[in-house]
PDB file of N, CA and C in Angstrom:
ATOM      1  N   MET A   1     -21.077   0.782  69.322  1.00  0.00           N
ATOM      2  CA  MET A   1     -19.901  -0.045  68.876  1.00  0.00           C
ATOM      3  C   MET A   1     -20.742  -1.498  68.625  1.00  0.00           C
ATOM      4  N   ASP A   2     -20.602  -2.229  67.514  1.00  0.00           N
ATOM      5  CA  ASP A   2     -21.213  -3.537  67.590  1.00  0.00           C
ATOM      6  C   ASP A   2     -20.408  -4.496  68.392  1.00  0.00           C
ATOM      7  N   LYS A   3     -21.100  -5.720  68.494  1.00  0.00           N
ATOM      8  CA  LYS A   3     -20.380  -6.854  69.605  1.00  0.00           C
ATOM      9  C   LYS A   3     -19.229  -7.380  69.061  1.00  0.00           C
ATOM     10  N   SER A   4     -19.047  -7.241  67.778  1.00  0.00           N
ATOM     11  CA  SER A   4     -17.836  -7.866  67.009  1.00  0.00           C
ATOM     12  C   SER A   4     -16.575  -6.981  67.270  1.00  0.00           C
ATOM     13  N   LYS A   5     -16.946  -5.827  66.959  1.00  0.00           N
ATOM     14  CA  LYS A   5     -16.052  -4.642  67.134  1.00  0.00           C
ATOM     15  C   LYS A   5     -15.487  -4.379  68.538  1.00  0.00           C
ATOM     16  N   GLN A   6     -16.454  -4.512  69.414  1.00  0.00           N
ATOM     17  CA  GLN A   6     -16.267  -4.355  70.900  1.00  0.00           C
ATOM     18  C   GLN A   6     -15.215  -5.526  71.414  1.00  0.00           C
ATOM     19  N   GLN A   7     -15.255  -6.791  70.878  1.00  0.00           N
ATOM     20  CA  GLN A   7     -14.636  -7.886  71.178  1.00  0.00           C
ATOM     21  C   GLN A   7     -13.075  -7.476  70.619  1.00  0.00           C
ATOM     22  N   ILE A   8     -13.127  -6.847  69.393  1.00  0.00           N
ATOM     23  CA  ILE A   8     -11.945  -6.942  68.727  1.00  0.00           C
ATOM     24  C   ILE A   8     -11.076  -5.803  69.473  1.00  0.00           C
ATOM     25  N   HIS A   9     -11.851  -4.659  70.122  1.00  0.00           N
ATOM     26  CA  HIS A   9     -11.110  -3.848  70.887  1.00  0.00           C
ATOM     27  C   HIS A   9     -10.880  -4.064  72.278  1.00  0.00           C
ATOM     28  N   ASN A  10     -11.553  -5.171  72.785  1.00  0.00           N
ATOM     29  CA  ASN A  10     -10.895  -5.724  74.262  1.00  0.00           C
ATOM     30  C   ASN A  10      -9.842  -6.617  74.050  1.00  0.00           C
ATOM     31  N   ASP A  11      -9.480  -7.297  72.962  1.00  0.00           N
ATOM     32  CA  ASP A  11      -8.424  -8.048  72.680  1.00  0.00           C
ATOM     33  C   ASP A  11      -7.313  -7.171  72.313  1.00  0.00           C
ATOM     34  N   GLU A  12      -6.235  -7.205  73.190  1.00  0.00           N
ATOM     35  CA  GLU A  12      -5.055  -6.407  72.890  1.00  0.00           C
ATOM     36  C   GLU A  12      -4.259  -6.704  71.792  1.00  0.00           C
ATOM     37  N   SER A  13      -4.230  -7.921  71.433  1.00  0.00           N
ATOM     38  CA  SER A  13      -3.386  -8.456  70.163  1.00  0.00           C
ATOM     39  C   SER A  13      -4.003  -8.245  68.823  1.00  0.00           C
ATOM     40  N   ALA A  14      -5.554  -7.855  68.927  1.00  0.00           N
ATOM     41  CA  ALA A  14      -6.014  -7.409  67.719  1.00  0.00           C
ATOM     42  C   ALA A  14      -5.720  -5.959  67.026  1.00  0.00           C
ATOM     43  N   PRO A  15      -5.765  -5.829  65.959  1.00  0.00           N
ATOM     44  CA  PRO A  15      -5.528  -4.342  65.345  1.00  0.00           C
ATOM     45  C   PRO A  15      -6.578  -3.508  65.708  1.00  0.00           C
ATOM     46  N   GLU A  16      -6.441  -2.323  65.791  1.00  0.00           N
ATOM     47  CA  GLU A  16      -7.384  -1.454  65.817  1.00  0.00           C
ATOM     48  C   GLU A  16      -8.387  -1.260  64.792  1.00  0.00           C
ATOM     49  N   PHE A  17      -7.666  -1.242  63.582  1.00  0.00           N
ATOM     50  CA  PHE A  17      -8.632  -1.164  62.291  1.00  0.00           C
ATOM     51  C   PHE A  17      -8.881  -2.554  61.652  1.00  0.00           C
ATOM     52  N   ALA A  18      -9.921  -3.160  61.841  1.00  0.00           N
ATOM     53  CA  ALA A  18     -10.312  -4.498  61.503  1.00  0.00           C
ATOM     54  C   ALA A  18     -10.931  -4.778  60.016  1.00  0.00           C
ATOM     55  N   ASN A  19     -11.555  -3.572  59.528  1.00  0.00           N
ATOM     56  CA  ASN A  19     -12.084  -3.930  58.279  1.00  0.00           C
ATOM     57  C   ASN A  19     -12.162  -2.685  57.437  1.00  0.00           C
ATOM     58  N   TRP A  20     -12.772  -2.690  56.155  1.00  0.00           N
ATOM     59  CA  TRP A  20     -12.542  -1.868  55.269  1.00  0.00           C
ATOM     60  C   TRP A  20     -13.330  -0.559  55.650  1.00  0.00           C
ATOM     61  N   GLN A  21     -14.452  -0.615  56.303  1.00  0.00           N
ATOM     62  CA  GLN A  21     -15.201   0.587  56.920  1.00  0.00           C
ATOM     63  C   GLN A  21     -14.424   1.342  57.628  1.00  0.00           C
ATOM     64  N   ASP A  22     -13.420   0.704  58.401  1.00  0.00           N
ATOM     65  CA  ASP A  22     -12.502   1.652  59.252  1.00  0.00           C
ATOM     66  C   ASP A  22     -11.499   2.483  58.350  1.00  0.00           C
ATOM     67  N   VAL A  23     -11.180   1.874  57.379  1.00  0.00           N
ATOM     68  CA  VAL A  23     -10.608   2.950  56.360  1.00  0.00           C
ATOM     69  C   VAL A  23     -11.196   3.940  55.990  1.00  0.00           C
ATOM     70  N   LEU A  24     -12.546   3.539  55.507  1.00  0.00           N
ATOM     71  CA  LEU A  24     -13.415   4.689  55.023  1.00  0.00           C
ATOM     72  C   LEU A  24     -13.765   5.837  55.719  1.00  0.00           C
ATOM     73  N   THR A  25     -13.897   5.267  57.185  1.00  0.00           N
ATOM     74  CA  THR A  25     -14.232   6.309  58.053  1.00  0.00           C
ATOM     75  C   THR A  25     -12.850   7.174  58.625  1.00  0.00           C
ATOM     76  N   LEU A  26     -11.727   6.645  58.520  1.00  0.00           N
ATOM     77  CA  LEU A  26     -10.414   7.470  58.545  1.00  0.00           C
ATOM     78  C   LEU A  26     -10.247   8.481  57.511  1.00  0.00           C
ATOM     79  N   LEU A  27     -10.592   8.137  56.293  1.00  0.00           N
ATOM     80  CA  LEU A  27     -10.600   8.770  54.876  1.00  0.00           C
ATOM     81  C   LEU A  27     -11.593  10.176  54.982  1.00  0.00           C
ATOM     82  N   GLU A  28     -12.817   9.709  55.547  1.00  0.00           N
ATOM     83  CA  GLU A  28     -13.906  10.593  55.543  1.00  0.00           C
ATOM     84  C   GLU A  28     -13.516  11.678  56.690  1.00  0.00           C
ATOM     85  N   HIS A  29     -12.933  11.325  57.821  1.00  0.00           N
ATOM     86  CA  HIS A  29     -12.620  12.167  58.746  1.00  0.00           C
ATOM     87  C   HIS A  29     -11.365  13.094  58.376  1.00  0.00           C
ATOM     88  N   SER A  30     -10.348  12.667  57.771  1.00  0.00           N
ATOM     89  CA  SER A  30      -9.396  13.219  57.088  1.00  0.00           C
ATOM     90  C   SER A  30      -9.827  14.253  56.122  1.00  0.00           C
ATOM     91  N   CYS A  31     -10.835  13.987  55.191  1.00  0.00           N
ATOM     92  CA  CYS A  31     -11.577  15.010  54.232  1.00  0.00           C
ATOM     93  C   CYS A  31     -11.944  16.309  55.012  1.00  0.00           C
ATOM     94  N   GLN A  32     -12.855  15.761  56.215  1.00  0.00           N
ATOM     95  CA  GLN A  32     -13.426  17.084  56.773  1.00  0.00           C
ATOM     96  C   GLN A  32     -12.357  17.781  57.664  1.00  0.00           C
ATOM     97  N   GLN A  33     -11.504  17.116  57.776  1.00  0.00           N
ATOM     98  CA  GLN A  33     -10.307  17.990  58.710  1.00  0.00           C
ATOM     99  C   GLN A  33      -9.166  18.411  57.728  1.00  0.00           C
ATOM    100  N   GLU A  34      -9.606  18.401  56.143  1.00  0.00           N
ATOM    101  CA  GLU A  34      -8.805  18.880  55.151  1.00  0.00           C
ATOM    102  C   GLU A  34      -7.155  18.302  55.160  1.00  0.00           C
ATOM    103  N   GLN A  35      -7.143  16.986  55.577  1.00  0.00           N
ATOM    104  CA  GLN A  35      -5.830  16.584  55.804  1.00  0.00           C
ATOM    105  C   GLN A  35      -5.553  15.219  54.896  1.00  0.00           C
ATOM    106  N   LEU A  36      -6.532  15.104  53.915  1.00  0.00           N
ATOM    107  CA  LEU A  36      -6.489  14.059  53.144  1.00  0.00           C
ATOM    108  C   LEU A  36      -5.083  13.702  52.378  1.00  0.00           C
ATOM    109  N   ASP A  37      -4.370  14.801  51.849  1.00  0.00           N
ATOM    110  CA  ASP A  37      -3.107  14.667  51.332  1.00  0.00           C
ATOM    111  C   ASP A  37      -1.986  13.978  52.015  1.00  0.00           C
ATOM    112  N   PHE A  38      -2.034  14.776  53.302  1.00  0.00           N
ATOM    113  CA  PHE A  38      -1.180  14.220  54.332  1.00  0.00           C
ATOM    114  C   PHE A  38      -1.347  12.895  54.816  1.00  0.00           C
ATOM    115  N   LEU A  39      -2.624  12.436  54.908  1.00  0.00           N
ATOM    116  CA  LEU A  39      -2.833  11.008  55.442  1.00  0.00           C
ATOM    117  C   LEU A  39      -2.571  10.114  54.231  1.00  0.00           C
ATOM    118  N   LEU A  40      -2.885  10.195  53.014  1.00  0.00           N
ATOM    119  CA  LEU A  40      -2.753   9.367  51.965  1.00  0.00           C
ATOM    120  C   LEU A  40      -1.011   9.224  51.721  1.00  0.00           C
ATOM    121  N   SER A  41      -0.405  10.297  51.972  1.00  0.00           N
ATOM    122  CA  SER A  41       1.126  10.363  51.764  1.00  0.00           C
ATOM    123  C   SER A  41       1.486   9.500  52.933  1.00  0.00           C
ATOM    124  N   MET A  42       1.082   9.571  53.898  1.00  0.00           N
ATOM    125  CA  MET A  42       1.644   8.657  55.070  1.00  0.00           C
ATOM    126  C   MET A  42       1.362   7.067  54.885  1.00  0.00           C
ATOM    127  N   LEU A  43       0.003   6.925  54.325  1.00  0.00           N
ATOM    128  CA  LEU A  43      -0.424   5.336  54.163  1.00  0.00           C
ATOM    129  C   LEU A  43       0.070   4.939  52.799  1.00  0.00           C
ATOM    130  N   LEU A  44       0.395   5.737  51.967  1.00  0.00           N
ATOM    131  CA  LEU A  44       0.663   5.016  50.506  1.00  0.00           C
ATOM    132  C   LEU A  44       2.323   5.369  50.159  1.00  0.00           C
ATOM    133  N   THR A  45       2.796   4.450  49.544  1.00  0.00           N
ATOM    134  CA  THR A  45       4.148   4.639  48.980  1.00  0.00           C
ATOM    135  C   THR A  45       4.126   5.511  47.914  1.00  0.00           C
ATOM    136  N   TYR A  46       5.054   6.075  47.405  1.00  0.00           N
ATOM    137  CA  TYR A  46       5.210   6.730  46.057  1.00  0.00           C
ATOM    138  C   TYR A  46       4.642   5.904  44.936  1.00  0.00           C
ATOM    139  N   ASP A  47       4.991   4.559  44.715  1.00  0.00           N
ATOM    140  CA  ASP A  47       4.723   3.558  43.997  1.00  0.00           C
ATOM    141  C   ASP A  47       3.208   3.381  43.867  1.00  0.00           C
ATOM    142  N   GLU A  48       2.651   3.423  45.332  1.00  0.00           N
ATOM    143  CA  GLU A  48       1.275   2.751  45.451  1.00  0.00           C
ATOM    144  C   GLU A  48       0.268   4.047  44.796  1.00  0.00           C
ATOM    145  N   ARG A  49       0.716   5.282  45.157  1.00  0.00           N
ATOM    146  CA  ARG A  49       0.085   6.439  44.735  1.00  0.00           C
ATOM    147  C   ARG A  49       0.089   6.667  43.147  1.00  0.00           C
ATOM    148  N   GLU A  50       1.237   6.200  42.516  1.00  0.00           N
ATOM    149  CA  GLU A  50       1.406   6.273  41.167  1.00  0.00           C
ATOM    150  C   GLU A  50       0.400   5.194  40.507  1.00  0.00           C
ATOM    151  N   ALA A  51       0.275   4.141  41.291  1.00  0.00           N
ATOM    152  CA  ALA A  51      -0.794   3.027  40.850  1.00  0.00           C
ATOM    153  C   ALA A  51      -2.156   3.339  40.828  1.00  0.00           C
ATOM    154  N   LEU A  52      -2.421   4.223  42.076  1.00  0.00           N
ATOM    155  CA  LEU A  52      -3.783   4.740  42.027  1.00  0.00           C
ATOM    156  C   LEU A  52      -3.893   5.603  41.076  1.00  0.00           C
ATOM    157  N   LEU A  53      -3.210   6.359  40.593  1.00  0.00           N
ATOM    158  CA  LEU A  53      -3.348   7.457  39.556  1.00  0.00           C
ATOM    159  C   LEU A  53      -3.620   6.842  38.397  1.00  0.00           C
ATOM    160  N   ALA A  54      -2.654   5.648  38.011  1.00  0.00           N
ATOM    161  CA  ALA A  54      -2.838   5.044  36.984  1.00  0.00           C
ATOM    162  C   ALA A  54      -4.015   4.282  36.835  1.00  0.00           C
ATOM    163  N   ARG A  55      -4.648   3.764  37.904  1.00  0.00           N
ATOM    164  CA  ARG A  55      -5.808   3.054  37.862  1.00  0.00           C
ATOM    165  C   ARG A  55      -7.386   4.076  37.560  1.00  0.00           C
ATOM    166  N   MET A  56      -6.937   5.368  38.262  1.00  0.00           N
ATOM    167  CA  MET A  56      -7.824   6.400  37.813  1.00  0.00           C
ATOM    168  C   MET A  56      -8.216   6.595  36.411  1.00  0.00           C
ATOM    169  N   ASN A  57      -6.904   6.919  35.709  1.00  0.00           N
ATOM    170  CA  ASN A  57      -6.802   7.002  34.430  1.00  0.00           C
ATOM    171  C   ASN A  57      -7.322   5.864  33.803  1.00  0.00           C
ATOM    172  N   ILE A  58      -6.946   4.720  33.876  1.00  0.00           N
ATOM    173  CA  ILE A  58      -7.401   3.542  33.327  1.00  0.00           C
ATOM    174  C   ILE A  58      -8.860   3.481  33.328  1.00  0.00           C
ATOM    175  N   LEU A  59      -9.572   3.731  34.254  1.00  0.00           N
ATOM    176  CA  LEU A  59     -11.041   3.751  34.345  1.00  0.00           C
ATOM    177  C   LEU A  59     -11.692   4.769  33.717  1.00  0.00           C
ATOM    178  N   HIS A  60     -11.125   5.710  33.740  1.00  0.00           N
ATOM    179  CA  HIS A  60     -11.716   7.299  33.118  1.00  0.00           C
ATOM    180  C   HIS A  60     -11.529   6.831  31.669  1.00  0.00           C
ATOM    181  N   GLU A  61     -10.701   6.388  31.109  1.00  0.00           N
ATOM    182  CA  GLU A  61     -10.462   6.383  29.549  1.00  0.00           C
ATOM    183  C   GLU A  61     -11.296   4.983  29.186  1.00  0.00           C
ATOM    184  N   LEU A  62     -11.467   4.111  29.997  1.00  0.00           N
ATOM    185  CA  LEU A  62     -12.241   2.918  29.628  1.00  0.00           C
ATOM    186  C   LEU A  62     -13.713   3.269  29.620  1.00  0.00           C
ATOM    187  N   ILE A  63     -13.941   4.066  30.523  1.00  0.00           N
ATOM    188  CA  ILE A  63     -15.493   4.516  30.628  1.00  0.00           C
ATOM    189  C   ILE A  63     -15.877   5.444  29.395  1.00  0.00           C
ATOM    190  N   LYS A  64     -14.746   6.336  29.052  1.00  0.00           N
ATOM    191  CA  LYS A  64     -15.010   7.395  27.867  1.00  0.00           C
ATOM    192  C   LYS A  64     -15.090   6.377  26.671  1.00  0.00           C
ATOM    193  N   GLY A  65     -14.468   5.369  26.612  1.00  0.00           N
ATOM    194  CA  GLY A  65     -14.610   4.225  25.386  1.00  0.00           C
ATOM    195  C   GLY A  65     -13.910   4.891  24.029  1.00  0.00           C
ATOM    196  N   GLU A  66     -13.264   5.874  24.135  1.00  0.00           N
ATOM    197  CA  GLU A  66     -12.599   6.690  23.215  1.00  0.00           C
ATOM    198  C   GLU A  66     -11.233   5.987  22.375  1.00  0.00           C
ATOM    199  N   ARG A  67     -10.856   5.210  23.155  1.00  0.00           N
ATOM    200  CA  ARG A  67      -9.520   4.363  22.625  1.00  0.00           C
ATOM    201  C   ARG A  67      -9.598   2.757  23.310  1.00  0.00           C
ATOM    202  N   SER A  68      -8.795   2.010  22.356  1.00  0.00           N
ATOM    203  CA  SER A  68      -8.805   0.615  22.637  1.00  0.00           C
ATOM    204  C   SER A  68      -7.962   0.402  23.953  1.00  0.00           C
ATOM    205  N   GLN A  69      -8.120  -0.802  24.141  1.00  0.00           N
ATOM    206  CA  GLN A  69      -7.207  -1.191  25.590  1.00  0.00           C
ATOM    207  C   GLN A  69      -5.864  -0.979  25.162  1.00  0.00           C
ATOM    208  N   ARG A  70      -5.343  -1.391  24.175  1.00  0.00           N
ATOM    209  CA  ARG A  70      -3.930  -1.199  23.512  1.00  0.00           C
ATOM    210  C   ARG A  70      -3.669   0.232  23.517  1.00  0.00           C
ATOM    211  N   GLN A  71      -4.253   1.034  23.135  1.00  0.00           N
ATOM    212  CA  GLN A  71      -4.184   2.352  23.042  1.00  0.00           C
ATOM    213  C   GLN A  71      -3.896   3.088  24.463  1.00  0.00           C
ATOM    214  N   VAL A  72      -5.053   2.612  25.364  1.00  0.00           N
ATOM    215  CA  VAL A  72      -4.863   3.142  26.748  1.00  0.00           C
ATOM    216  C   VAL A  72      -3.543   2.780  27.516  1.00  0.00           C
ATOM    217  N   SER A  73      -3.082   1.379  27.061  1.00  0.00           N
ATOM    218  CA  SER A  73      -2.126   0.560  27.633  1.00  0.00           C
ATOM    219  C   SER A  73      -0.748   1.566  27.323  1.00  0.00           C
ATOM    220  N   GLN A  74      -0.634   1.950  25.983  1.00  0.00           N
ATOM    221  CA  GLN A  74       0.344   2.823  25.302  1.00  0.00           C
ATOM    222  C   GLN A  74       0.411   4.333  26.100  1.00  0.00           C
ATOM    223  N   MET A  75      -0.781   4.601  26.019  1.00  0.00           N
ATOM    224  CA  MET A  75      -0.665   6.039  26.608  1.00  0.00           C
ATOM    225  C   MET A  75      -0.351   6.284  28.014  1.00  0.00           C
ATOM    226  N   LEU A  76      -0.751   5.205  28.924  1.00  0.00           N
ATOM    227  CA  LEU A  76      -0.438   5.435  30.313  1.00  0.00           C
ATOM    228  C   LEU A  76       0.967   4.666  30.525  1.00  0.00           C
ATOM    229  N   GLY A  77       1.476   3.837  29.941  1.00  0.00           N
ATOM    230  CA  GLY A  77       2.765   3.126  30.017  1.00  0.00           C
ATOM    231  C   GLY A  77       2.496   2.073  30.927  1.00  0.00           C
ATOM    232  N   VAL A  78       1.364   1.285  30.977  1.00  0.00           N
ATOM    233  CA  VAL A  78       1.082   0.248  31.825  1.00  0.00           C
ATOM    234  C   VAL A  78       0.808  -0.931  30.804  1.00  0.00           C
ATOM    235  N   GLY A  79       0.857  -2.223  31.374  1.00  0.00           N
ATOM    236  CA  GLY A  79       0.600  -3.475  30.473  1.00  0.00           C
ATOM    237  C   GLY A  79      -1.131  -3.666  30.134  1.00  0.00           C
ATOM    238  N   VAL A  80      -1.090  -4.270  29.087  1.00  0.00           N
ATOM    239  CA  VAL A  80      -2.646  -4.505  28.563  1.00  0.00           C
ATOM    240  C   VAL A  80      -3.136  -5.621  29.544  1.00  0.00           C
ATOM    241  N   ALA A  81      -2.381  -6.207  30.432  1.00  0.00           N
ATOM    242  CA  ALA A  81      -3.202  -6.863  31.531  1.00  0.00           C
ATOM    243  C   ALA A  81      -3.723  -6.141  32.735  1.00  0.00           C
ATOM    244  N   THR A  82      -3.155  -4.979  32.834  1.00  0.00           N
ATOM    245  CA  THR A  82      -3.460  -4.004  33.868  1.00  0.00           C
ATOM    246  C   THR A  82      -4.888  -3.461  33.308  1.00  0.00           C
ATOM    247  N   ILE A  83      -4.842  -3.098  31.981  1.00  0.00           N
ATOM    248  CA  ILE A  83      -6.191  -2.384  31.494  1.00  0.00           C
ATOM    249  C   ILE A  83      -6.865  -3.377  31.444  1.00  0.00           C
ATOM    250  N   THR A  84      -6.791  -4.812  31.212  1.00  0.00           N
ATOM    251  CA  THR A  84      -7.813  -5.777  31.202  1.00  0.00           C
ATOM    252  C   THR A  84      -8.436  -5.795  32.661  1.00  0.00           C
ATOM    253  N   ARG A  85      -7.750  -5.743  33.653  1.00  0.00           N
ATOM    254  CA  ARG A  85      -8.218  -6.170  35.023  1.00  0.00           C
ATOM    255  C   ARG A  85      -9.022  -4.951  35.409  1.00  0.00           C
ATOM    256  N   GLY A  86      -8.826  -3.614  34.961  1.00  0.00           N
ATOM    257  CA  GLY A  86      -9.536  -2.210  35.038  1.00  0.00           C
ATOM    258  C   GLY A  86     -11.027  -2.580  34.332  1.00  0.00           C
ATOM    259  N   SER A  87     -10.874  -3.389  33.124  1.00  0.00           N
ATOM    260  CA  SER A  87     -12.259  -3.374  32.218  1.00  0.00           C
ATOM    261  C   SER A  87     -13.129  -4.574  33.037  1.00  0.00           C
ATOM    262  N   SER A  88     -12.535  -5.449  33.542  1.00  0.00           N
ATOM    263  CA  SER A  88     -13.072  -6.633  34.361  1.00  0.00           C
ATOM    264  C   SER A  88     -13.957  -5.875  35.412  1.00  0.00           C
ATOM    265  N   GLU A  89     -13.356  -5.169  36.138  1.00  0.00           N
ATOM    266  CA  GLU A  89     -13.870  -4.597  37.293  1.00  0.00           C
ATOM    267  C   GLU A  89     -15.079  -3.512  36.715  1.00  0.00           C
ATOM    268  N   LEU A  90     -14.936  -2.755  35.789  1.00  0.00           N
ATOM    269  CA  LEU A  90     -16.021  -2.166  35.230  1.00  0.00           C
ATOM    270  C   LEU A  90     -17.174  -2.996  34.827  1.00  0.00           C
ATOM    271  N   LYS A  91     -16.942  -4.334  34.314  1.00  0.00           N
ATOM    272  CA  LYS A  91     -17.889  -5.094  33.919  1.00  0.00           C
ATOM    273  C   LYS A  91     -18.788  -5.515  35.212  1.00  0.00           C
ATOM    274  N   LYS A  92     -18.287  -5.531  36.264  1.00  0.00           N
ATOM    275  CA  LYS A  92     -18.895  -5.848  37.474  1.00  0.00           C
ATOM    276  C   LYS A  92     -20.112  -4.890  37.938  1.00  0.00           C
ATOM    277  N   LEU A  93     -19.789  -3.732  37.554  1.00  0.00           N
ATOM    278  CA  LEU A  93     -20.733  -2.590  38.032  1.00  0.00           C
ATOM    279  C   LEU A  93     -22.056  -2.656  37.525  1.00  0.00           C
ATOM    280  N   GLN A  94     -23.020  -2.060  38.024  1.00  0.00           N
ATOM    281  CA  GLN A  94     -24.389  -2.038  37.545  1.00  0.00           C
ATOM    282  C   GLN A  94     -24.380  -0.883  36.878  1.00  0.00           C
ATOM    283  N   PRO A  95     -25.289  -0.608  35.860  1.00  0.00           N
ATOM    284  CA  PRO A  95     -25.359   0.737  35.007  1.00  0.00           C
ATOM    285  C   PRO A  95     -25.078   1.899  35.921  1.00  0.00           C
ATOM    286  N   GLU A  96     -25.978   2.039  36.858  1.00  0.00           N
ATOM    287  CA  GLU A  96     -26.013   3.214  37.657  1.00  0.00           C
ATOM    288  C   GLU A  96     -24.876   3.497  38.546  1.00  0.00           C
ATOM    289  N   GLN A  97     -24.249   2.217  38.984  1.00  0.00           N
ATOM    290  CA  GLN A  97     -22.808   2.434  39.518  1.00  0.00           C
ATOM    291  C   GLN A  97     -21.528   3.043  38.552  1.00  0.00           C
ATOM    292  N   LYS A  98     -21.737   2.639  37.224  1.00  0.00           N
ATOM    293  CA  LYS A  98     -20.894   3.025  36.307  1.00  0.00           C
ATOM    294  C   LYS A  98     -20.918   4.532  35.977  1.00  0.00           C
ATOM    295  N   GLN A  99     -22.254   4.767  35.946  1.00  0.00           N
ATOM    296  CA  GLN A  99     -22.608   6.200  35.705  1.00  0.00           C
ATOM    297  C   GLN A  99     -22.294   7.172  37.066  1.00  0.00           C
ATOM    298  N   GLN A 100     -22.252   6.480  38.261  1.00  0.00           N
ATOM    299  CA  GLN A 100     -21.667   7.364  39.231  1.00  0.00           C
ATOM    300  C   GLN A 100     -20.350   7.374  39.209  1.00  0.00           C
ATOM    301  N   LEU A 101     -19.531   6.424  38.998  1.00  0.00           N
ATOM    302  CA  LEU A 101     -18.159   6.452  38.826  1.00  0.00           C
ATOM    303  C   LEU A 101     -17.620   7.484  37.633  1.00  0.00           C
ATOM    304  N   GLN A 102     -18.312   7.214  36.652  1.00  0.00           N
ATOM    305  CA  GLN A 102     -18.019   8.110  35.367  1.00  0.00           C
ATOM    306  C   GLN A 102     -18.182   9.944  36.014  1.00  0.00           C
ATOM    307  N   ALA A 103     -19.244  10.132  36.561  1.00  0.00           N
ATOM    308  CA  ALA A 103     -19.544  11.382  37.377  1.00  0.00           C
ATOM    309  C   ALA A 103     -18.465  12.004  38.130  1.00  0.00           C
ATOM    310  N   MET A 104     -17.945  10.981  39.009  1.00  0.00           N
ATOM    311  CA  MET A 104     -16.969  11.322  39.932  1.00  0.00           C
ATOM    312  C   MET A 104     -15.586  11.603  39.259  1.00  0.00           C
ATOM    313  N   LEU A 105     -15.229  10.673  38.482  1.00  0.00           N
ATOM    314  CA  LEU A 105     -14.107  10.969  37.675  1.00  0.00           C
ATOM    315  C   LEU A 105     -14.034  12.211  36.699  1.00  0.00           C
ATOM    316  N   GLN A 106     -15.122  12.257  36.012  1.00  0.00           N
ATOM    317  CA  GLN A 106     -15.099  13.431  35.305  1.00  0.00           C
ATOM    318  C   GLN A 106     -15.168  14.882  36.203  1.00  0.00           C
ATOM    319  N   ALA A 107     -15.801  14.817  37.296  1.00  0.00           N
ATOM    320  CA  ALA A 107     -15.942  16.044  38.263  1.00  0.00           C
ATOM    321  C   ALA A 107     -14.428  16.176  38.582  1.00  0.00           C
ATOM    322  N   ALA A 108     -13.621  15.128  38.970  1.00  0.00           N
ATOM    323  CA  ALA A 108     -12.270  15.176  39.330  1.00  0.00           C
ATOM    324  C   ALA A 108     -11.551  16.210  38.140  1.00  0.00           C
ATOM    325  N   VAL A 109     -11.902  15.640  36.964  1.00  0.00           N
ATOM    326  CA  VAL A 109     -11.209  16.260  35.652  1.00  0.00           C
ATOM    327  C   VAL A 109     -11.272  17.704  35.433  1.00  0.00           C
ATOM    328  N   ASP A 110     -12.881  18.017  35.527  1.00  0.00           N
ATOM    329  CA  ASP A 110     -13.481  19.509  35.526  1.00  0.00           C
ATOM    330  C   ASP A 110     -12.672  20.251  36.659  1.00  0.00           C
ATOM    331  N   LYS A 111     -12.234  19.753  37.866  1.00  0.00           N
ATOM    332  CA  LYS A 111     -12.083  20.638  38.991  1.00  0.00           C
ATOM    333  C   LYS A 111     -10.608  20.836  38.999  1.00  0.00           C
ATOM    334  N   ALA A 112      -9.854  20.046  38.325  1.00  0.00           N
ATOM    335  CA  ALA A 112      -8.333  20.110  37.982  1.00  0.00           C
ATOM    336  C   ALA A 112      -7.868  21.134  37.103  1.00  0.00           C
TER     337      ALA A 112
END
């Protein structure tokens, strides 16, 4: 355990989970135990799960590039500003990261 994490664990008033890596570790463990559905249902409200689903669809549609942002907005029932935020995030990615995301999203579509 690194020194900063050890200090956090020694401070009783500090939270047990202190950074994004802790979230990823928990998710990875739950996947290995085949309990991801249960965990995410406990961590996220219905609205948050729906927002995550919308975000996945937004990114997938933007990467495919077959529809305009306005068309994606209408198809998913979300505001154009929401689509624009997704588009802005995609623009920050390196080409190989964008390809990796596209492959992950397509694999999920193919598996369903």
